[in-house]
Amino acid sequence: MSDWPEVQTCYVLPSGVATLPFEGGAITCRVTLGHINAPDTGIVEEMQSTAEPVPWRNAETRDEAITAIEARNDLGEEMRAKLLAHIRQTPWYE
């Protein structure tokens, strides 16, 4: 056993997606809403693609994203409704 503490570093993409350590491995999940128009992994591009959505870290993080989208005043009503529907349908980790 070492006297040095173990340090784990986690990088979060501008889109809010990260790979987190989990039970000896790792999971990729959305840990925050991030920049919704971020290239490749932003929530808008995810919503418009046919790929599987990135799961949320947990229900609380997903609910925070829903609240943030509801409060934004820079989205049209149609885009807001689409984003909210997409976020509500995306799974999360327990």
N, C-alpha and C. Protein backbone atom coordinates (compact mmCIF):
# COMPACT_ATOMS: atom_id res chain seq x y z
N MET A 1 0.85 -1.18 0.00
CA MET A 1 0.00 0.00 0.00
C MET A 1 0.90 1.23 0.00
N SER A 2 0.50 2.18 -0.79
CA SER A 2 1.27 3.40 -0.92
C SER A 2 0.76 4.47 0.05
N ASP A 3 1.67 5.34 0.45
CA ASP A 3 1.28 6.47 1.30
C ASP A 3 0.69 7.61 0.47
N TRP A 4 0.74 7.48 -0.84
CA TRP A 4 0.25 8.53 -1.72
C TRP A 4 -1.24 8.34 -2.00
N PRO A 5 -1.99 9.42 -1.94
CA PRO A 5 -3.43 9.28 -2.25
C PRO A 5 -3.64 9.03 -3.74
N GLU A 6 -4.70 8.35 -4.04
CA GLU A 6 -5.06 8.12 -5.44
C GLU A 6 -5.91 9.28 -5.93
N VAL A 7 -5.57 9.79 -7.09
CA VAL A 7 -6.30 10.92 -7.66
C VAL A 7 -6.87 10.49 -9.00
N GLN A 8 -8.15 10.74 -9.21
CA GLN A 8 -8.79 10.47 -10.48
C GLN A 8 -9.22 11.79 -11.09
N THR A 9 -8.93 11.95 -12.38
CA THR A 9 -9.28 13.17 -13.08
C THR A 9 -10.41 12.86 -14.05
N CYS A 10 -11.36 13.75 -14.12
CA CYS A 10 -12.50 13.59 -15.02
C CYS A 10 -12.58 14.82 -15.91
N TYR A 11 -12.61 14.61 -17.20
CA TYR A 11 -12.76 15.71 -18.15
C TYR A 11 -14.18 15.73 -18.67
N VAL A 12 -14.79 16.90 -18.61
CA VAL A 12 -16.16 17.06 -19.10
C VAL A 12 -16.10 17.87 -20.39
N LEU A 13 -16.69 17.33 -21.44
CA LEU A 13 -16.74 18.03 -22.72
C LEU A 13 -17.64 19.26 -22.60
N PRO A 14 -17.48 20.25 -23.46
CA PRO A 14 -18.35 21.43 -23.41
C PRO A 14 -19.84 21.08 -23.49
N SER A 15 -20.15 19.94 -24.06
CA SER A 15 -21.54 19.50 -24.18
C SER A 15 -22.08 18.88 -22.90
N GLY A 16 -21.23 18.74 -21.88
CA GLY A 16 -21.67 18.15 -20.62
C GLY A 16 -21.50 16.65 -20.53
N VAL A 17 -20.84 16.04 -21.50
CA VAL A 17 -20.62 14.58 -21.52
C VAL A 17 -19.25 14.27 -20.91
N ALA A 18 -19.20 13.22 -20.08
CA ALA A 18 -17.96 12.81 -19.44
C ALA A 18 -17.92 11.29 -19.34
N THR A 19 -16.74 10.76 -19.18
CA THR A 19 -16.56 9.34 -18.88
C THR A 19 -16.13 9.27 -17.42
N LEU A 20 -16.95 8.63 -16.60
CA LEU A 20 -16.72 8.56 -15.16
C LEU A 20 -16.33 7.16 -14.73
N PRO A 21 -15.44 7.04 -13.74
CA PRO A 21 -15.11 5.71 -13.20
C PRO A 21 -16.35 5.10 -12.55
N PHE A 22 -16.51 3.79 -12.77
CA PHE A 22 -17.69 3.11 -12.22
C PHE A 22 -17.39 1.63 -12.07
N GLU A 23 -17.43 1.13 -10.85
CA GLU A 23 -17.26 -0.29 -10.54
C GLU A 23 -16.11 -0.94 -11.30
N GLY A 24 -14.93 -0.35 -11.21
CA GLY A 24 -13.75 -0.93 -11.84
C GLY A 24 -13.66 -0.66 -13.33
N GLY A 25 -14.61 0.03 -13.89
CA GLY A 25 -14.61 0.39 -15.30
C GLY A 25 -14.97 1.84 -15.45
N ALA A 26 -15.75 2.13 -16.48
CA ALA A 26 -16.15 3.52 -16.71
C ALA A 26 -17.48 3.56 -17.45
N ILE A 27 -18.21 4.65 -17.28
CA ILE A 27 -19.45 4.90 -18.02
C ILE A 27 -19.36 6.28 -18.66
N THR A 28 -19.92 6.39 -19.84
CA THR A 28 -20.03 7.68 -20.49
C THR A 28 -21.45 8.17 -20.26
N CYS A 29 -21.56 9.39 -19.75
CA CYS A 29 -22.88 9.93 -19.43
C CYS A 29 -22.85 11.45 -19.51
N ARG A 30 -24.03 12.03 -19.55
CA ARG A 30 -24.16 13.48 -19.56
C ARG A 30 -24.27 13.92 -18.10
N VAL A 31 -23.28 14.71 -17.65
CA VAL A 31 -23.23 15.13 -16.25
C VAL A 31 -23.80 16.53 -16.03
N THR A 32 -24.05 17.25 -17.11
CA THR A 32 -24.65 18.57 -17.07
C THR A 32 -25.19 18.89 -18.46
N LEU A 33 -26.03 19.88 -18.58
CA LEU A 33 -26.58 20.24 -19.88
C LEU A 33 -25.49 20.77 -20.80
N GLY A 34 -24.56 21.55 -20.29
CA GLY A 34 -23.48 22.08 -21.09
C GLY A 34 -23.97 23.01 -22.18
N HIS A 35 -23.13 23.20 -23.18
CA HIS A 35 -23.48 24.03 -24.34
C HIS A 35 -24.36 23.20 -25.26
N ILE A 36 -25.60 23.59 -25.44
CA ILE A 36 -26.53 22.75 -26.18
C ILE A 36 -26.17 22.63 -27.65
N ASN A 37 -25.42 23.59 -28.20
CA ASN A 37 -25.03 23.53 -29.61
C ASN A 37 -23.60 23.07 -29.81
N ALA A 38 -22.99 22.46 -28.80
CA ALA A 38 -21.62 21.97 -28.93
C ALA A 38 -21.56 20.93 -30.05
N PRO A 39 -20.51 20.99 -30.88
CA PRO A 39 -20.41 20.01 -31.97
C PRO A 39 -20.24 18.59 -31.44
N ASP A 40 -20.71 17.65 -32.19
CA ASP A 40 -20.59 16.21 -31.94
C ASP A 40 -21.45 15.67 -30.79
N THR A 41 -21.36 16.25 -29.60
CA THR A 41 -22.06 15.66 -28.46
C THR A 41 -23.06 16.61 -27.80
N GLY A 42 -23.34 17.75 -28.42
CA GLY A 42 -24.33 18.68 -27.87
C GLY A 42 -25.72 18.09 -27.94
N ILE A 43 -26.59 18.53 -27.05
CA ILE A 43 -27.94 17.96 -26.95
C ILE A 43 -28.77 18.22 -28.20
N VAL A 44 -28.55 19.35 -28.90
CA VAL A 44 -29.31 19.63 -30.13
C VAL A 44 -28.92 18.65 -31.22
N GLU A 45 -27.61 18.44 -31.41
CA GLU A 45 -27.17 17.48 -32.41
C GLU A 45 -27.60 16.06 -32.04
N GLU A 46 -27.52 15.73 -30.78
CA GLU A 46 -27.97 14.41 -30.32
C GLU A 46 -29.45 14.20 -30.64
N MET A 47 -30.24 15.22 -30.40
CA MET A 47 -31.68 15.14 -30.63
C MET A 47 -31.98 14.95 -32.12
N GLN A 48 -31.20 15.57 -32.99
CA GLN A 48 -31.45 15.51 -34.42
C GLN A 48 -30.86 14.28 -35.08
N SER A 49 -30.00 13.55 -34.40
CA SER A 49 -29.39 12.35 -34.98
C SER A 49 -30.25 11.12 -34.70
N THR A 50 -29.87 10.05 -35.33
CA THR A 50 -30.58 8.79 -35.12
C THR A 50 -29.83 7.89 -34.13
N ALA A 51 -28.71 8.37 -33.61
CA ALA A 51 -27.92 7.59 -32.66
C ALA A 51 -28.61 7.52 -31.30
N GLU A 52 -28.22 6.54 -30.52
CA GLU A 52 -28.74 6.42 -29.16
C GLU A 52 -28.29 7.63 -28.34
N PRO A 53 -29.18 8.22 -27.55
CA PRO A 53 -28.77 9.37 -26.73
C PRO A 53 -27.84 8.94 -25.60
N VAL A 54 -27.00 9.87 -25.18
CA VAL A 54 -26.10 9.63 -24.05
C VAL A 54 -26.94 9.69 -22.78
N PRO A 55 -26.91 8.64 -21.96
CA PRO A 55 -27.71 8.66 -20.72
C PRO A 55 -27.24 9.77 -19.77
N TRP A 56 -28.15 10.24 -18.95
CA TRP A 56 -27.82 11.22 -17.92
C TRP A 56 -27.16 10.51 -16.75
N ARG A 57 -26.37 11.23 -16.00
CA ARG A 57 -25.70 10.64 -14.83
C ARG A 57 -26.71 10.11 -13.82
N ASN A 58 -27.78 10.87 -13.60
CA ASN A 58 -28.84 10.45 -12.69
C ASN A 58 -30.09 11.28 -12.99
N ALA A 59 -31.18 10.97 -12.34
CA ALA A 59 -32.45 11.67 -12.57
C ALA A 59 -32.34 13.13 -12.13
N GLU A 60 -31.60 13.41 -11.08
CA GLU A 60 -31.46 14.78 -10.60
C GLU A 60 -30.78 15.66 -11.65
N THR A 61 -29.73 15.15 -12.28
CA THR A 61 -29.03 15.91 -13.33
C THR A 61 -29.95 16.14 -14.51
N ARG A 62 -30.71 15.13 -14.88
CA ARG A 62 -31.67 15.27 -15.99
C ARG A 62 -32.73 16.32 -15.64
N ASP A 63 -33.24 16.29 -14.43
CA ASP A 63 -34.27 17.26 -14.01
C ASP A 63 -33.72 18.68 -13.97
N GLU A 64 -32.45 18.85 -13.60
CA GLU A 64 -31.82 20.17 -13.63
C GLU A 64 -31.74 20.69 -15.07
N ALA A 65 -31.45 19.80 -16.02
CA ALA A 65 -31.41 20.19 -17.43
C ALA A 65 -32.79 20.61 -17.92
N ILE A 66 -33.81 19.90 -17.50
CA ILE A 66 -35.19 20.26 -17.88
C ILE A 66 -35.52 21.66 -17.35
N THR A 67 -35.19 21.92 -16.10
CA THR A 67 -35.44 23.23 -15.51
C THR A 67 -34.68 24.32 -16.26
N ALA A 68 -33.43 24.04 -16.65
CA ALA A 68 -32.62 25.03 -17.36
C ALA A 68 -33.22 25.33 -18.74
N ILE A 69 -33.68 24.32 -19.45
CA ILE A 69 -34.30 24.52 -20.77
C ILE A 69 -35.60 25.31 -20.63
N GLU A 70 -36.39 25.00 -19.62
CA GLU A 70 -37.65 25.72 -19.39
C GLU A 70 -37.41 27.21 -19.11
N ALA A 71 -36.28 27.52 -18.46
CA ALA A 71 -35.99 28.91 -18.08
C ALA A 71 -35.31 29.72 -19.18
N ARG A 72 -34.78 29.07 -20.20
CA ARG A 72 -34.06 29.80 -21.25
C ARG A 72 -35.03 30.64 -22.07
N ASN A 73 -34.61 31.86 -22.37
CA ASN A 73 -35.46 32.73 -23.19
C ASN A 73 -34.89 32.93 -24.59
N ASP A 74 -33.82 32.21 -24.93
CA ASP A 74 -33.22 32.33 -26.24
C ASP A 74 -33.62 31.19 -27.19
N LEU A 75 -34.60 30.40 -26.79
CA LEU A 75 -35.08 29.30 -27.62
C LEU A 75 -36.50 29.60 -28.09
N GLY A 76 -36.79 29.21 -29.31
CA GLY A 76 -38.17 29.31 -29.76
C GLY A 76 -39.02 28.26 -29.07
N GLU A 77 -40.31 28.45 -29.07
CA GLU A 77 -41.20 27.49 -28.38
C GLU A 77 -41.12 26.09 -28.99
N GLU A 78 -40.98 26.01 -30.32
CA GLU A 78 -40.89 24.70 -30.97
C GLU A 78 -39.60 23.98 -30.56
N MET A 79 -38.46 24.68 -30.58
CA MET A 79 -37.19 24.07 -30.19
C MET A 79 -37.23 23.68 -28.72
N ARG A 80 -37.79 24.53 -27.86
CA ARG A 80 -37.90 24.22 -26.43
C ARG A 80 -38.70 22.94 -26.22
N ALA A 81 -39.84 22.82 -26.91
CA ALA A 81 -40.69 21.64 -26.77
C ALA A 81 -39.96 20.38 -27.24
N LYS A 82 -39.23 20.48 -28.34
CA LYS A 82 -38.48 19.31 -28.85
C LYS A 82 -37.38 18.90 -27.88
N LEU A 83 -36.64 19.89 -27.37
CA LEU A 83 -35.58 19.58 -26.41
C LEU A 83 -36.12 18.95 -25.14
N LEU A 84 -37.21 19.50 -24.62
CA LEU A 84 -37.79 18.95 -23.40
C LEU A 84 -38.27 17.52 -23.61
N ALA A 85 -38.91 17.27 -24.74
CA ALA A 85 -39.37 15.90 -25.04
C ALA A 85 -38.18 14.95 -25.15
N HIS A 86 -37.12 15.38 -25.81
CA HIS A 86 -35.93 14.54 -25.96
C HIS A 86 -35.29 14.24 -24.61
N ILE A 87 -35.12 15.27 -23.80
CA ILE A 87 -34.49 15.08 -22.49
C ILE A 87 -35.33 14.15 -21.61
N ARG A 88 -36.63 14.33 -21.63
CA ARG A 88 -37.50 13.48 -20.80
C ARG A 88 -37.48 12.02 -21.24
N GLN A 89 -37.20 11.76 -22.51
CA GLN A 89 -37.15 10.39 -23.02
C GLN A 89 -35.78 9.73 -22.88
N THR A 90 -34.78 10.52 -22.54
CA THR A 90 -33.42 9.98 -22.44
C THR A 90 -33.25 9.26 -21.10
N PRO A 91 -32.66 8.07 -21.13
CA PRO A 91 -32.47 7.32 -19.87
C PRO A 91 -31.42 7.97 -18.97
N TRP A 92 -31.36 7.50 -17.72
CA TRP A 92 -30.35 7.96 -16.77
C TRP A 92 -29.90 6.77 -15.95
N TYR A 93 -28.73 6.93 -15.34
CA TYR A 93 -28.20 5.89 -14.45
C TYR A 93 -28.76 6.09 -13.06
N GLU A 94 -29.03 5.00 -12.37
CA GLU A 94 -29.55 5.06 -10.99
C GLU A 94 -28.42 5.33 -10.02
